[in-house]
Amino acid sequence: MKYKEKGITLGILSIAIISMVIILILALMKVYLSNQIYHQSRKINLIEAEVAALKEENSILQMNTEQLKYKNRITDTIFSMEENKEITDAAEAEETND
């Protein structure tokens, strides 16, 4: 009768080591990908914040532009009314002098 060894054989040990290496590789890949996703999401959040700030600044600038356009139109109207009044007054003064 041959004596059969009990315990861990070389085949079982090699399967266990290969399994642990595969699990370690998969875990490292997951950590790397999670890290990359985290950094990319931070960059995206910063860019989204900048976009929101720029949109708000754009709306403020458009509002200021509209106010200046309105003011310019009103001012031009007042000046042209004053010029017309001066011309009319000058014409009436010439008529009275004649």
Protein backbone atom coordinates (compact mmCIF):
# COMPACT_ATOMS: atom_id res chain seq x y z
CA MET A 1 0.00 0.00 0.00
CA LYS A 2 1.32 3.38 -1.05
CA TYR A 3 1.20 6.19 1.35
CA LYS A 4 -0.80 9.16 0.04
CA GLU A 5 0.20 12.57 1.31
CA LYS A 6 -2.46 14.64 2.90
CA GLY A 7 -2.51 18.43 2.81
CA ILE A 8 -1.89 21.06 0.20
CA THR A 9 -0.42 19.84 -3.05
CA LEU A 10 1.57 21.89 -5.52
CA GLY A 11 -1.40 22.03 -7.94
CA ILE A 12 -3.78 23.42 -5.33
CA LEU A 13 -1.17 25.94 -4.18
CA SER A 14 -0.56 27.15 -7.73
CA ILE A 15 -4.32 27.52 -8.36
CA ALA A 16 -4.67 29.52 -5.12
CA ILE A 17 -1.76 31.81 -6.01
CA ILE A 18 -3.06 32.39 -9.56
CA SER A 19 -6.53 33.13 -8.17
CA MET A 20 -5.11 35.63 -5.69
CA VAL A 21 -3.07 37.35 -8.43
CA ILE A 22 -6.17 37.64 -10.65
CA ILE A 23 -8.20 39.06 -7.74
CA LEU A 24 -5.40 41.52 -6.93
CA ILE A 25 -5.19 42.68 -10.56
CA LEU A 26 -8.95 43.17 -10.74
CA ALA A 27 -8.97 45.08 -7.43
CA LEU A 28 -6.14 47.35 -8.59
CA MET A 29 -7.95 48.02 -11.87
CA LYS A 30 -11.11 48.95 -9.95
CA VAL A 31 -9.20 51.32 -7.66
CA TYR A 32 -7.45 52.94 -10.64
CA LEU A 33 -10.70 53.40 -12.57
CA SER A 34 -12.51 54.75 -9.51
CA ASN A 35 -9.68 57.22 -8.96
CA GLN A 36 -9.78 58.37 -12.59
CA ILE A 37 -13.57 58.75 -12.48
CA TYR A 38 -13.28 60.83 -9.29
CA HIS A 39 -10.70 63.18 -10.81
CA GLN A 40 -12.67 63.56 -14.03
CA SER A 41 -15.87 64.32 -12.12
CA ARG A 42 -14.05 67.03 -10.14
CA LYS A 43 -12.85 68.59 -13.39
CA ILE A 44 -16.38 68.42 -14.80
CA ASN A 45 -17.80 70.08 -11.67
CA LEU A 46 -15.25 72.90 -11.91
CA ILE A 47 -16.05 73.44 -15.59
CA GLU A 48 -19.80 73.39 -14.89
CA ALA A 49 -19.30 76.01 -12.18
CA GLU A 50 -17.32 78.18 -14.62
CA VAL A 51 -20.03 77.77 -17.26
CA ALA A 52 -22.72 78.80 -14.79
CA ALA A 53 -20.69 81.86 -13.74
CA LEU A 54 -20.08 82.83 -17.36
CA LYS A 55 -23.76 82.45 -18.22
CA GLU A 56 -24.68 84.69 -15.28
CA GLU A 57 -22.05 87.22 -16.32
CA ASN A 58 -23.39 87.11 -19.88
CA SER A 59 -26.93 87.83 -18.72
CA ILE A 60 -25.67 90.73 -16.57
CA LEU A 61 -23.72 92.14 -19.52
CA GLN A 62 -26.74 91.79 -21.81
CA MET A 63 -28.89 93.60 -19.25
CA ASN A 64 -26.30 96.39 -18.98
CA THR A 65 -26.15 96.61 -22.77
CA GLU A 66 -29.93 96.91 -22.99
CA GLN A 67 -29.90 99.62 -20.33
CA LEU A 68 -27.23 101.55 -22.22
CA LYS A 69 -29.15 101.17 -25.49
CA TYR A 70 -32.32 102.45 -23.83
CA LYS A 71 -30.45 105.33 -22.21
CA ASN A 72 -28.81 106.17 -25.53
CA ARG A 73 -32.16 106.19 -27.35
CA ILE A 74 -33.76 108.40 -24.71
CA THR A 75 -30.76 110.75 -24.65
CA ASP A 76 -30.70 110.97 -28.46
CA THR A 77 -34.42 111.75 -28.47
CA ILE A 78 -33.99 114.50 -25.87
CA PHE A 79 -31.04 116.03 -27.75
CA SER A 80 -32.89 115.92 -31.06
CA MET A 81 -35.93 117.52 -29.41
CA GLU A 82 -33.71 120.27 -27.97
CA GLU A 83 -32.03 120.79 -31.36
CA ASN A 84 -35.43 121.03 -33.06
CA LYS A 85 -36.55 123.53 -30.43
CA GLU A 86 -33.41 125.62 -30.94
CA ILE A 87 -33.89 125.57 -34.71
CA THR A 88 -37.55 126.51 -34.36
CA ASP A 89 -36.72 129.29 -31.88
CA ALA A 90 -34.01 130.63 -34.21
CA ALA A 91 -36.42 130.57 -37.16
CA GLU A 92 -39.09 132.40 -35.15
CA ALA A 93 -36.52 134.96 -34.02
CA GLU A 94 -35.53 135.64 -37.63
CA GLU A 95 -39.17 136.04 -38.65
CA THR A 96 -39.81 138.55 -35.88
CA ASN A 97 -36.67 140.51 -36.82
CA ASP A 98 -37.78 140.83 -40.44
